[in-house]
């Protein structure tokens, strides 16, 4: 994990170097998003309660962030409705690079990381899972107008104790200026 974070930091510093130039200007927006998702938690490992079963479930989340012409960052929380889980949340950061191939749409690819907090019902009570996750994002943004984007994408998350969690999601993103 330490190697991954150092590579991300290096790539970010290299990409941000042009911002130090005095004649460089760029557009920025603050962002607020509401997300709905359908996810699959694939598991082949064994936890303290025994072998887990794979689960399909729905979820939702809130994100705040900022974007420039080609980069975007979100900080968010997502809640999931998983059978046999008392609760399941993820808290994290998404960093995306946007490929602006048209005025009405762009493609993005990025990385994500954060923390999952879950409580799983087992025969003897509950098992609490509090783990770090990391993964990747990709999808499309449709620019409905200057203030609203509609986003459709996928999150892949690698979580200890589990193989992975993959989510297909849709978001409504509200863009605004903060001075």
N, C-alpha and C. Protein backbone atom coordinates (compact mmCIF):
# COMPACT_ATOMS: atom_id res chain seq x y z
N UNK A 1 0.82 -1.19 0.00
CA UNK A 1 0.00 0.00 0.00
C UNK A 1 0.87 1.25 0.00
N UNK A 2 1.99 1.21 0.74
CA UNK A 2 2.88 2.35 0.82
C UNK A 2 3.48 2.67 -0.55
N UNK A 3 3.83 1.63 -1.32
CA UNK A 3 4.37 1.84 -2.66
C UNK A 3 3.34 2.47 -3.58
N UNK A 4 2.07 2.02 -3.48
CA UNK A 4 1.01 2.56 -4.31
C UNK A 4 0.80 4.04 -4.01
N UNK A 5 0.75 4.39 -2.72
CA UNK A 5 0.56 5.79 -2.35
C UNK A 5 1.71 6.68 -2.79
N UNK A 6 2.94 6.17 -2.71
CA UNK A 6 4.08 6.98 -3.15
C UNK A 6 4.04 7.19 -4.66
N UNK A 7 3.58 6.18 -5.42
CA UNK A 7 3.46 6.35 -6.87
C UNK A 7 2.37 7.35 -7.22
N UNK A 8 1.25 7.33 -6.49
CA UNK A 8 0.18 8.29 -6.71
C UNK A 8 0.66 9.69 -6.40
N UNK A 9 1.38 9.86 -5.29
CA UNK A 9 1.90 11.19 -4.92
C UNK A 9 2.87 11.71 -5.99
N UNK A 10 3.75 10.85 -6.49
CA UNK A 10 4.70 11.26 -7.52
C UNK A 10 3.97 11.66 -8.79
N UNK A 11 3.00 10.87 -9.22
CA UNK A 11 2.24 11.20 -10.43
C UNK A 11 1.48 12.51 -10.27
N UNK A 12 0.91 12.74 -9.10
CA UNK A 12 0.18 13.98 -8.84
C UNK A 12 1.11 15.19 -8.89
N UNK A 13 2.29 15.08 -8.29
CA UNK A 13 3.25 16.18 -8.32
C UNK A 13 3.72 16.47 -9.74
N UNK A 14 3.95 15.42 -10.52
CA UNK A 14 4.39 15.62 -11.91
C UNK A 14 3.28 16.28 -12.73
N UNK A 15 2.05 15.86 -12.50
CA UNK A 15 0.94 16.43 -13.25
C UNK A 15 0.65 17.87 -12.82
N UNK A 16 0.93 18.20 -11.57
CA UNK A 16 0.64 19.53 -11.06
C UNK A 16 1.74 20.54 -11.37
N UNK A 17 2.89 20.10 -11.86
CA UNK A 17 4.00 21.01 -12.14
C UNK A 17 3.62 22.17 -13.06
N UNK A 18 2.82 21.96 -14.12
CA UNK A 18 2.46 23.11 -14.96
C UNK A 18 1.67 24.19 -14.23
N UNK A 19 1.04 23.84 -13.11
CA UNK A 19 0.27 24.83 -12.37
C UNK A 19 1.15 25.92 -11.77
N UNK A 20 2.43 25.64 -11.62
CA UNK A 20 3.35 26.62 -11.06
C UNK A 20 3.70 27.71 -12.06
N UNK A 21 3.45 27.49 -13.34
CA UNK A 21 3.74 28.50 -14.37
C UNK A 21 2.80 29.70 -14.17
N UNK A 22 3.32 30.90 -14.25
CA UNK A 22 2.55 32.10 -13.92
C UNK A 22 1.46 32.40 -14.95
N UNK A 23 1.60 31.98 -16.20
CA UNK A 23 0.59 32.31 -17.21
C UNK A 23 -0.38 31.16 -17.47
N UNK A 24 -0.38 30.17 -16.62
CA UNK A 24 -1.28 29.03 -16.79
C UNK A 24 -2.58 29.31 -16.07
N UNK A 25 -3.70 29.15 -16.75
CA UNK A 25 -5.01 29.32 -16.10
C UNK A 25 -5.86 28.10 -16.39
N UNK A 26 -6.80 27.83 -15.51
CA UNK A 26 -7.66 26.67 -15.69
C UNK A 26 -9.01 26.93 -15.03
N UNK A 27 -10.00 26.18 -15.47
CA UNK A 27 -11.35 26.30 -14.91
C UNK A 27 -11.49 25.33 -13.74
N UNK A 28 -12.13 25.80 -12.70
CA UNK A 28 -12.37 24.92 -11.55
C UNK A 28 -13.83 25.02 -11.13
N UNK A 29 -14.33 23.94 -10.57
CA UNK A 29 -15.68 23.89 -10.01
C UNK A 29 -15.64 23.13 -8.71
N UNK A 30 -16.49 23.52 -7.79
CA UNK A 30 -16.76 22.71 -6.61
C UNK A 30 -17.88 21.76 -6.98
N UNK A 31 -17.93 20.60 -6.34
CA UNK A 31 -18.89 19.56 -6.73
C UNK A 31 -19.62 18.99 -5.52
N UNK A 32 -20.88 18.65 -5.72
CA UNK A 32 -21.66 17.91 -4.75
C UNK A 32 -22.41 16.85 -5.53
N UNK A 33 -22.39 15.60 -5.07
CA UNK A 33 -23.01 14.51 -5.83
C UNK A 33 -23.81 13.58 -4.93
N UNK A 34 -24.89 13.06 -5.50
CA UNK A 34 -25.71 12.02 -4.89
C UNK A 34 -25.59 10.80 -5.79
N UNK A 35 -25.32 9.64 -5.19
CA UNK A 35 -25.02 8.43 -5.95
C UNK A 35 -25.93 7.28 -5.54
N UNK A 36 -26.35 6.49 -6.53
CA UNK A 36 -27.05 5.24 -6.30
C UNK A 36 -26.27 4.13 -6.97
N UNK A 37 -26.22 2.93 -6.35
CA UNK A 37 -25.38 1.88 -6.92
C UNK A 37 -25.99 0.50 -6.74
N UNK A 38 -25.51 -0.42 -7.56
CA UNK A 38 -25.76 -1.85 -7.38
C UNK A 38 -24.39 -2.51 -7.34
N UNK A 39 -24.14 -3.31 -6.32
CA UNK A 39 -22.80 -3.83 -6.07
C UNK A 39 -22.80 -5.34 -5.89
N UNK A 40 -21.62 -5.90 -6.05
CA UNK A 40 -21.39 -7.32 -5.79
C UNK A 40 -20.13 -7.45 -4.95
N UNK A 41 -20.24 -8.16 -3.84
CA UNK A 41 -19.12 -8.42 -2.94
C UNK A 41 -18.72 -9.86 -3.17
N UNK A 42 -17.59 -10.06 -3.84
CA UNK A 42 -17.11 -11.40 -4.18
C UNK A 42 -16.13 -11.87 -3.12
N UNK A 43 -16.38 -13.05 -2.60
CA UNK A 43 -15.59 -13.53 -1.49
C UNK A 43 -15.23 -14.99 -1.68
N UNK A 44 -13.95 -15.29 -1.56
CA UNK A 44 -13.55 -16.70 -1.53
C UNK A 44 -12.72 -16.99 -0.29
N UNK A 45 -12.40 -15.92 0.47
CA UNK A 45 -11.58 -16.08 1.67
C UNK A 45 -12.38 -16.57 2.85
N UNK A 46 -11.71 -16.75 3.94
CA UNK A 46 -12.34 -17.21 5.17
C UNK A 46 -12.11 -16.16 6.25
N UNK A 47 -13.17 -15.71 6.88
CA UNK A 47 -13.06 -14.77 7.99
C UNK A 47 -13.12 -15.52 9.30
N UNK A 48 -13.18 -14.79 10.40
CA UNK A 48 -13.22 -15.44 11.71
C UNK A 48 -14.52 -16.21 11.91
N UNK A 49 -15.55 -15.90 11.11
CA UNK A 49 -16.83 -16.60 11.25
C UNK A 49 -16.97 -17.77 10.28
N UNK A 50 -15.96 -18.03 9.48
CA UNK A 50 -16.04 -19.10 8.49
C UNK A 50 -16.03 -18.53 7.10
N UNK A 51 -16.41 -19.35 6.13
CA UNK A 51 -16.39 -18.93 4.74
C UNK A 51 -17.57 -17.99 4.45
N UNK A 52 -17.29 -16.85 3.85
CA UNK A 52 -18.32 -15.91 3.46
C UNK A 52 -18.95 -16.36 2.15
N UNK A 53 -20.15 -15.87 1.88
CA UNK A 53 -20.80 -16.11 0.59
C UNK A 53 -20.81 -14.80 -0.19
N UNK A 54 -20.78 -14.87 -1.51
CA UNK A 54 -20.86 -13.67 -2.33
C UNK A 54 -22.24 -13.04 -2.18
N UNK A 55 -22.29 -11.71 -2.25
CA UNK A 55 -23.54 -10.97 -2.04
C UNK A 55 -23.72 -9.94 -3.15
N UNK A 56 -24.98 -9.73 -3.56
CA UNK A 56 -25.37 -8.64 -4.46
C UNK A 56 -26.28 -7.72 -3.66
N UNK A 57 -26.11 -6.40 -3.82
CA UNK A 57 -26.85 -5.47 -2.96
C UNK A 57 -26.88 -4.08 -3.57
N UNK A 58 -27.75 -3.23 -3.02
CA UNK A 58 -27.88 -1.84 -3.46
C UNK A 58 -27.19 -0.92 -2.46
N UNK A 59 -26.92 0.29 -2.90
CA UNK A 59 -26.27 1.26 -2.03
C UNK A 59 -26.53 2.68 -2.49
N UNK A 60 -26.08 3.62 -1.69
CA UNK A 60 -26.21 5.03 -2.02
C UNK A 60 -25.12 5.81 -1.33
N UNK A 61 -24.88 7.02 -1.82
CA UNK A 61 -23.81 7.80 -1.22
C UNK A 61 -23.90 9.27 -1.51
N UNK A 62 -23.09 10.03 -0.77
CA UNK A 62 -22.92 11.46 -0.95
C UNK A 62 -21.44 11.75 -1.14
N UNK A 63 -21.13 12.68 -2.06
CA UNK A 63 -19.73 13.04 -2.33
C UNK A 63 -19.62 14.55 -2.46
N UNK A 64 -18.50 15.10 -1.99
CA UNK A 64 -18.15 16.48 -2.26
C UNK A 64 -16.78 16.48 -2.91
N UNK A 65 -16.52 17.48 -3.74
CA UNK A 65 -15.23 17.48 -4.40
C UNK A 65 -14.96 18.75 -5.18
N UNK A 66 -13.98 18.63 -6.06
CA UNK A 66 -13.56 19.74 -6.91
C UNK A 66 -13.03 19.17 -8.21
N UNK A 67 -13.09 19.99 -9.26
CA UNK A 67 -12.56 19.56 -10.55
C UNK A 67 -11.90 20.72 -11.26
N UNK A 68 -10.94 20.36 -12.11
CA UNK A 68 -10.36 21.31 -13.06
C UNK A 68 -10.70 20.76 -14.44
N UNK A 69 -10.04 21.26 -15.46
CA UNK A 69 -10.35 20.80 -16.81
C UNK A 69 -10.14 19.30 -17.00
N UNK A 70 -9.10 18.74 -16.37
CA UNK A 70 -8.77 17.34 -16.60
C UNK A 70 -8.74 16.47 -15.35
N UNK A 71 -8.77 17.08 -14.17
CA UNK A 71 -8.67 16.30 -12.93
C UNK A 71 -9.90 16.53 -12.06
N UNK A 72 -10.20 15.51 -11.25
CA UNK A 72 -11.33 15.62 -10.34
C UNK A 72 -11.01 14.81 -9.08
N UNK A 73 -11.41 15.35 -7.92
CA UNK A 73 -11.24 14.64 -6.66
C UNK A 73 -12.56 14.69 -5.90
N UNK A 74 -12.95 13.57 -5.31
CA UNK A 74 -14.14 13.48 -4.48
C UNK A 74 -13.76 12.89 -3.13
N UNK A 75 -14.41 13.36 -2.08
CA UNK A 75 -14.39 12.74 -0.76
C UNK A 75 -15.83 12.33 -0.52
N UNK A 76 -16.04 11.07 -0.14
CA UNK A 76 -17.42 10.63 -0.03
C UNK A 76 -17.65 9.54 0.99
N UNK A 77 -18.94 9.29 1.22
CA UNK A 77 -19.39 8.21 2.08
C UNK A 77 -20.47 7.45 1.32
N UNK A 78 -20.43 6.14 1.42
CA UNK A 78 -21.42 5.29 0.78
C UNK A 78 -21.96 4.30 1.81
N UNK A 79 -23.25 4.07 1.76
CA UNK A 79 -23.89 3.08 2.61
C UNK A 79 -24.43 1.96 1.74
N UNK A 80 -24.41 0.74 2.24
CA UNK A 80 -24.82 -0.42 1.47
C UNK A 80 -25.85 -1.22 2.26
N UNK A 81 -26.82 -1.78 1.57
CA UNK A 81 -27.86 -2.62 2.16
C UNK A 81 -27.54 -4.07 1.82
N UNK A 82 -26.77 -4.73 2.68
CA UNK A 82 -26.29 -6.09 2.42
C UNK A 82 -26.99 -7.06 3.37
N UNK A 83 -27.56 -8.11 2.80
CA UNK A 83 -28.22 -9.14 3.60
C UNK A 83 -27.23 -9.73 4.61
N UNK A 84 -27.68 -9.94 5.82
CA UNK A 84 -26.89 -10.50 6.93
C UNK A 84 -25.84 -9.53 7.49
N UNK A 85 -25.85 -8.27 7.06
CA UNK A 85 -24.95 -7.26 7.62
C UNK A 85 -25.80 -6.27 8.41
N UNK A 86 -25.40 -5.97 9.64
CA UNK A 86 -26.10 -4.95 10.44
C UNK A 86 -25.92 -3.58 9.79
N UNK A 87 -24.70 -3.30 9.35
CA UNK A 87 -24.42 -2.06 8.63
C UNK A 87 -23.19 -2.27 7.76
N UNK A 88 -23.08 -1.43 6.73
CA UNK A 88 -21.91 -1.47 5.84
C UNK A 88 -21.75 -0.08 5.23
N UNK A 89 -20.60 0.53 5.49
CA UNK A 89 -20.29 1.86 4.98
C UNK A 89 -18.87 1.88 4.41
N UNK A 90 -18.64 2.79 3.47
CA UNK A 90 -17.27 3.06 3.03
C UNK A 90 -17.08 4.57 3.04
N UNK A 91 -15.88 4.98 3.44
CA UNK A 91 -15.50 6.39 3.49
C UNK A 91 -14.21 6.50 2.71
N UNK A 92 -14.16 7.39 1.72
CA UNK A 92 -12.93 7.42 0.95
C UNK A 92 -12.78 8.59 0.01
N UNK A 93 -11.73 8.48 -0.80
CA UNK A 93 -11.34 9.50 -1.75
C UNK A 93 -11.24 8.87 -3.13
N UNK A 94 -11.73 9.59 -4.14
CA UNK A 94 -11.58 9.19 -5.55
C UNK A 94 -10.79 10.29 -6.25
N UNK A 95 -9.80 9.91 -7.03
CA UNK A 95 -9.02 10.85 -7.84
C UNK A 95 -9.11 10.38 -9.27
N UNK A 96 -9.67 11.22 -10.15
CA UNK A 96 -9.94 10.83 -11.54
C UNK A 96 -9.26 11.76 -12.53
N UNK A 97 -8.87 11.17 -13.67
CA UNK A 97 -8.41 11.95 -14.82
C UNK A 97 -9.51 11.89 -15.86
N UNK A 98 -9.90 13.07 -16.39
CA UNK A 98 -11.00 13.15 -17.36
C UNK A 98 -10.45 13.33 -18.77
N UNK A 99 -10.94 12.51 -19.68
CA UNK A 99 -10.63 12.62 -21.10
C UNK A 99 -11.81 13.35 -21.75
N UNK A 100 -11.60 14.62 -22.09
CA UNK A 100 -12.68 15.46 -22.64
C UNK A 100 -12.73 15.30 -24.15
N UNK A 101 -13.46 14.29 -24.61
CA UNK A 101 -13.50 14.02 -26.05
C UNK A 101 -14.64 14.75 -26.76
N UNK A 102 -15.56 15.39 -26.02
CA UNK A 102 -16.60 16.21 -26.64
C UNK A 102 -17.09 17.24 -25.64
N UNK A 103 -17.89 18.20 -26.12
CA UNK A 103 -18.41 19.24 -25.23
C UNK A 103 -19.50 18.70 -24.30
N UNK A 104 -20.18 17.63 -24.70
CA UNK A 104 -21.29 17.14 -23.88
C UNK A 104 -20.95 15.91 -23.04
N UNK A 105 -19.77 15.33 -23.24
CA UNK A 105 -19.46 14.10 -22.52
C UNK A 105 -17.96 13.95 -22.33
N UNK A 106 -17.56 13.29 -21.23
CA UNK A 106 -16.17 12.92 -21.07
C UNK A 106 -16.08 11.52 -20.45
N UNK A 107 -14.94 10.91 -20.61
CA UNK A 107 -14.63 9.61 -20.05
C UNK A 107 -13.64 9.85 -18.92
N UNK A 108 -13.75 9.10 -17.82
CA UNK A 108 -12.79 9.26 -16.74
C UNK A 108 -12.28 7.91 -16.29
N UNK A 109 -11.06 7.94 -15.77
CA UNK A 109 -10.43 6.77 -15.17
C UNK A 109 -9.69 7.27 -13.94
N UNK A 110 -9.70 6.48 -12.88
CA UNK A 110 -9.06 6.97 -11.67
C UNK A 110 -8.80 5.89 -10.64
N UNK A 111 -8.38 6.36 -9.48
CA UNK A 111 -8.07 5.47 -8.36
C UNK A 111 -8.94 5.87 -7.17
N UNK A 112 -9.14 4.92 -6.25
CA UNK A 112 -9.89 5.23 -5.04
C UNK A 112 -9.24 4.53 -3.86
N UNK A 113 -9.51 5.04 -2.68
CA UNK A 113 -8.99 4.43 -1.47
C UNK A 113 -9.72 4.98 -0.26
N UNK A 114 -9.74 4.20 0.80
CA UNK A 114 -10.41 4.66 2.01
C UNK A 114 -10.57 3.55 3.02
N UNK A 115 -11.68 3.60 3.74
CA UNK A 115 -11.95 2.70 4.85
C UNK A 115 -13.34 2.11 4.69
N UNK A 116 -13.51 0.81 4.96
CA UNK A 116 -14.83 0.20 5.05
C UNK A 116 -15.11 -0.13 6.51
N UNK A 117 -16.35 0.02 6.89
CA UNK A 117 -16.80 -0.28 8.25
C UNK A 117 -18.06 -1.11 8.12
N UNK A 118 -18.00 -2.39 8.53
CA UNK A 118 -19.12 -3.31 8.37
C UNK A 118 -19.32 -4.12 9.64
N UNK A 119 -20.56 -4.54 9.84
CA UNK A 119 -20.88 -5.45 10.93
C UNK A 119 -21.69 -6.60 10.34
N UNK A 120 -21.15 -7.80 10.41
CA UNK A 120 -21.71 -8.98 9.79
C UNK A 120 -22.34 -9.88 10.85
N UNK A 121 -23.59 -10.30 10.64
CA UNK A 121 -24.26 -11.18 11.59
C UNK A 121 -23.73 -12.60 11.43
N UNK A 122 -23.35 -13.20 12.56
CA UNK A 122 -22.91 -14.60 12.56
C UNK A 122 -23.67 -15.33 13.67
N UNK A 123 -23.53 -16.64 13.71
CA UNK A 123 -24.30 -17.46 14.66
C UNK A 123 -24.04 -17.06 16.12
N UNK A 124 -22.83 -16.63 16.42
CA UNK A 124 -22.48 -16.31 17.81
C UNK A 124 -22.59 -14.82 18.12
N UNK A 125 -23.13 -14.02 17.22
CA UNK A 125 -23.25 -12.57 17.45
C UNK A 125 -22.96 -11.79 16.19
N UNK A 126 -21.96 -10.92 16.27
CA UNK A 126 -21.58 -10.12 15.11
C UNK A 126 -20.07 -10.11 14.95
N UNK A 127 -19.65 -9.92 13.72
CA UNK A 127 -18.23 -9.76 13.41
C UNK A 127 -18.07 -8.38 12.79
N UNK A 128 -17.25 -7.54 13.38
CA UNK A 128 -17.01 -6.19 12.87
C UNK A 128 -15.80 -6.22 11.94
N UNK A 129 -15.96 -5.55 10.80
CA UNK A 129 -14.90 -5.48 9.80
C UNK A 129 -14.59 -4.01 9.58
N UNK A 130 -13.36 -3.61 9.85
CA UNK A 130 -12.92 -2.24 9.65
C UNK A 130 -11.58 -2.33 8.92
N UNK A 131 -11.62 -2.18 7.60
CA UNK A 131 -10.45 -2.42 6.76
C UNK A 131 -10.20 -1.27 5.79
N UNK A 132 -8.98 -1.15 5.36
CA UNK A 132 -8.59 -0.21 4.30
C UNK A 132 -8.95 -0.84 2.96
N UNK A 133 -9.39 -0.02 2.02
CA UNK A 133 -9.62 -0.50 0.66
C UNK A 133 -8.87 0.40 -0.33
N UNK A 134 -8.63 -0.16 -1.51
CA UNK A 134 -8.07 0.61 -2.62
C UNK A 134 -8.62 0.00 -3.90
N UNK A 135 -8.62 0.79 -4.97
CA UNK A 135 -9.18 0.27 -6.21
C UNK A 135 -9.13 1.28 -7.33
N UNK A 136 -10.03 1.10 -8.30
CA UNK A 136 -10.05 1.91 -9.51
C UNK A 136 -11.48 2.31 -9.86
N UNK A 137 -11.60 3.39 -10.63
CA UNK A 137 -12.89 3.91 -11.11
C UNK A 137 -12.79 4.10 -12.62
N UNK A 138 -13.91 3.99 -13.29
CA UNK A 138 -14.00 4.42 -14.69
C UNK A 138 -15.45 4.65 -15.03
N UNK A 139 -15.68 5.51 -16.03
CA UNK A 139 -17.05 5.79 -16.42
C UNK A 139 -17.16 6.98 -17.35
N UNK A 140 -18.39 7.44 -17.53
CA UNK A 140 -18.70 8.55 -18.42
C UNK A 140 -19.48 9.62 -17.67
N UNK A 141 -19.20 10.88 -17.98
CA UNK A 141 -19.95 12.04 -17.49
C UNK A 141 -20.70 12.64 -18.66
N UNK A 142 -22.00 12.82 -18.52
CA UNK A 142 -22.80 13.53 -19.50
C UNK A 142 -23.09 14.91 -18.92
N UNK A 143 -22.68 15.96 -19.63
CA UNK A 143 -22.87 17.34 -19.16
C UNK A 143 -24.27 17.80 -19.55
N UNK A 144 -25.22 17.63 -18.63
CA UNK A 144 -26.61 17.99 -18.89
C UNK A 144 -26.73 19.49 -19.17
N UNK A 145 -26.09 20.29 -18.35
CA UNK A 145 -25.97 21.73 -18.58
C UNK A 145 -24.75 22.23 -17.82
N UNK A 146 -24.60 23.54 -17.66
CA UNK A 146 -23.42 24.10 -16.99
C UNK A 146 -23.36 23.77 -15.50
N UNK A 147 -24.49 23.42 -14.91
CA UNK A 147 -24.55 23.17 -13.48
C UNK A 147 -24.70 21.70 -13.09
N UNK A 148 -25.15 20.85 -14.00
CA UNK A 148 -25.46 19.47 -13.65
C UNK A 148 -24.78 18.50 -14.62
N UNK A 149 -24.12 17.50 -14.05
CA UNK A 149 -23.58 16.36 -14.81
C UNK A 149 -24.31 15.11 -14.35
N UNK A 150 -24.52 14.19 -15.28
CA UNK A 150 -25.03 12.86 -14.98
C UNK A 150 -23.88 11.90 -15.23
N UNK A 151 -23.57 11.09 -14.25
CA UNK A 151 -22.40 10.21 -14.34
C UNK A 151 -22.83 8.75 -14.23
N UNK A 152 -22.24 7.91 -15.07
CA UNK A 152 -22.46 6.47 -15.02
C UNK A 152 -21.09 5.80 -15.03
N UNK A 153 -20.84 4.96 -14.02
CA UNK A 153 -19.51 4.39 -13.93
C UNK A 153 -19.45 3.13 -13.10
N UNK A 154 -18.22 2.74 -12.80
CA UNK A 154 -17.96 1.53 -12.01
C UNK A 154 -16.82 1.81 -11.04
N UNK A 155 -16.95 1.27 -9.83
CA UNK A 155 -15.90 1.29 -8.80
C UNK A 155 -15.45 -0.15 -8.61
N UNK A 156 -14.17 -0.37 -8.57
CA UNK A 156 -13.63 -1.64 -8.13
C UNK A 156 -12.86 -1.39 -6.84
N UNK A 157 -13.12 -2.19 -5.81
CA UNK A 157 -12.48 -1.99 -4.52
C UNK A 157 -11.90 -3.31 -4.02
N UNK A 158 -10.65 -3.31 -3.63
CA UNK A 158 -10.01 -4.47 -3.01
C UNK A 158 -10.03 -4.24 -1.51
N UNK A 159 -10.66 -5.18 -0.80
CA UNK A 159 -10.82 -5.08 0.65
C UNK A 159 -10.20 -6.33 1.27
N UNK A 160 -9.39 -6.17 2.32
CA UNK A 160 -8.89 -7.33 3.04
C UNK A 160 -10.08 -8.13 3.56
N UNK A 161 -9.93 -9.43 3.72
CA UNK A 161 -10.97 -10.38 4.12
C UNK A 161 -11.93 -10.71 2.99
N UNK A 162 -11.89 -9.97 1.88
CA UNK A 162 -12.77 -10.20 0.75
C UNK A 162 -11.91 -10.20 -0.51
N UNK A 163 -12.43 -10.80 -1.59
CA UNK A 163 -11.71 -10.72 -2.86
C UNK A 163 -11.80 -9.31 -3.41
N UNK A 164 -13.04 -8.83 -3.63
CA UNK A 164 -13.24 -7.48 -4.14
C UNK A 164 -14.70 -7.11 -4.06
N UNK A 165 -14.96 -5.83 -4.25
CA UNK A 165 -16.32 -5.33 -4.37
C UNK A 165 -16.37 -4.49 -5.63
N UNK A 166 -17.33 -4.79 -6.51
CA UNK A 166 -17.49 -4.06 -7.76
C UNK A 166 -18.88 -3.42 -7.73
N UNK A 167 -18.93 -2.12 -8.04
CA UNK A 167 -20.19 -1.38 -8.04
C UNK A 167 -20.41 -0.70 -9.37
N UNK A 168 -21.58 -0.86 -9.93
CA UNK A 168 -22.04 -0.04 -11.04
C UNK A 168 -22.89 1.06 -10.44
N UNK A 169 -22.72 2.31 -10.85
CA UNK A 169 -23.43 3.40 -10.18
C UNK A 169 -23.82 4.50 -11.14
N UNK A 170 -24.75 5.31 -10.70
CA UNK A 170 -25.15 6.52 -11.37
C UNK A 170 -25.13 7.66 -10.37
N UNK A 171 -24.70 8.83 -10.79
CA UNK A 171 -24.63 10.00 -9.91
C UNK A 171 -25.21 11.22 -10.59
N UNK A 172 -25.81 12.07 -9.80
CA UNK A 172 -26.17 13.42 -10.23
C UNK A 172 -25.17 14.34 -9.54
N UNK A 173 -24.41 15.10 -10.35
CA UNK A 173 -23.35 15.97 -9.82
C UNK A 173 -23.77 17.42 -10.05
N UNK A 174 -23.78 18.18 -8.97
CA UNK A 174 -24.09 19.60 -9.06
C UNK A 174 -22.77 20.37 -8.97
N UNK A 175 -22.53 21.24 -9.97
CA UNK A 175 -21.30 22.02 -10.03
C UNK A 175 -21.60 23.46 -9.60
N UNK A 176 -20.70 24.05 -8.83
CA UNK A 176 -20.88 25.43 -8.40
C UNK A 176 -19.51 26.06 -8.18
N UNK A 177 -19.50 27.39 -8.12
CA UNK A 177 -18.26 28.15 -7.90
C UNK A 177 -18.20 28.60 -6.45
N UNK A 178 -17.04 28.43 -5.84
CA UNK A 178 -16.79 28.97 -4.50
C UNK A 178 -15.66 29.98 -4.61
N UNK A 179 -15.91 31.17 -4.16
CA UNK A 179 -14.88 32.22 -4.23
C UNK A 179 -14.33 32.52 -2.87
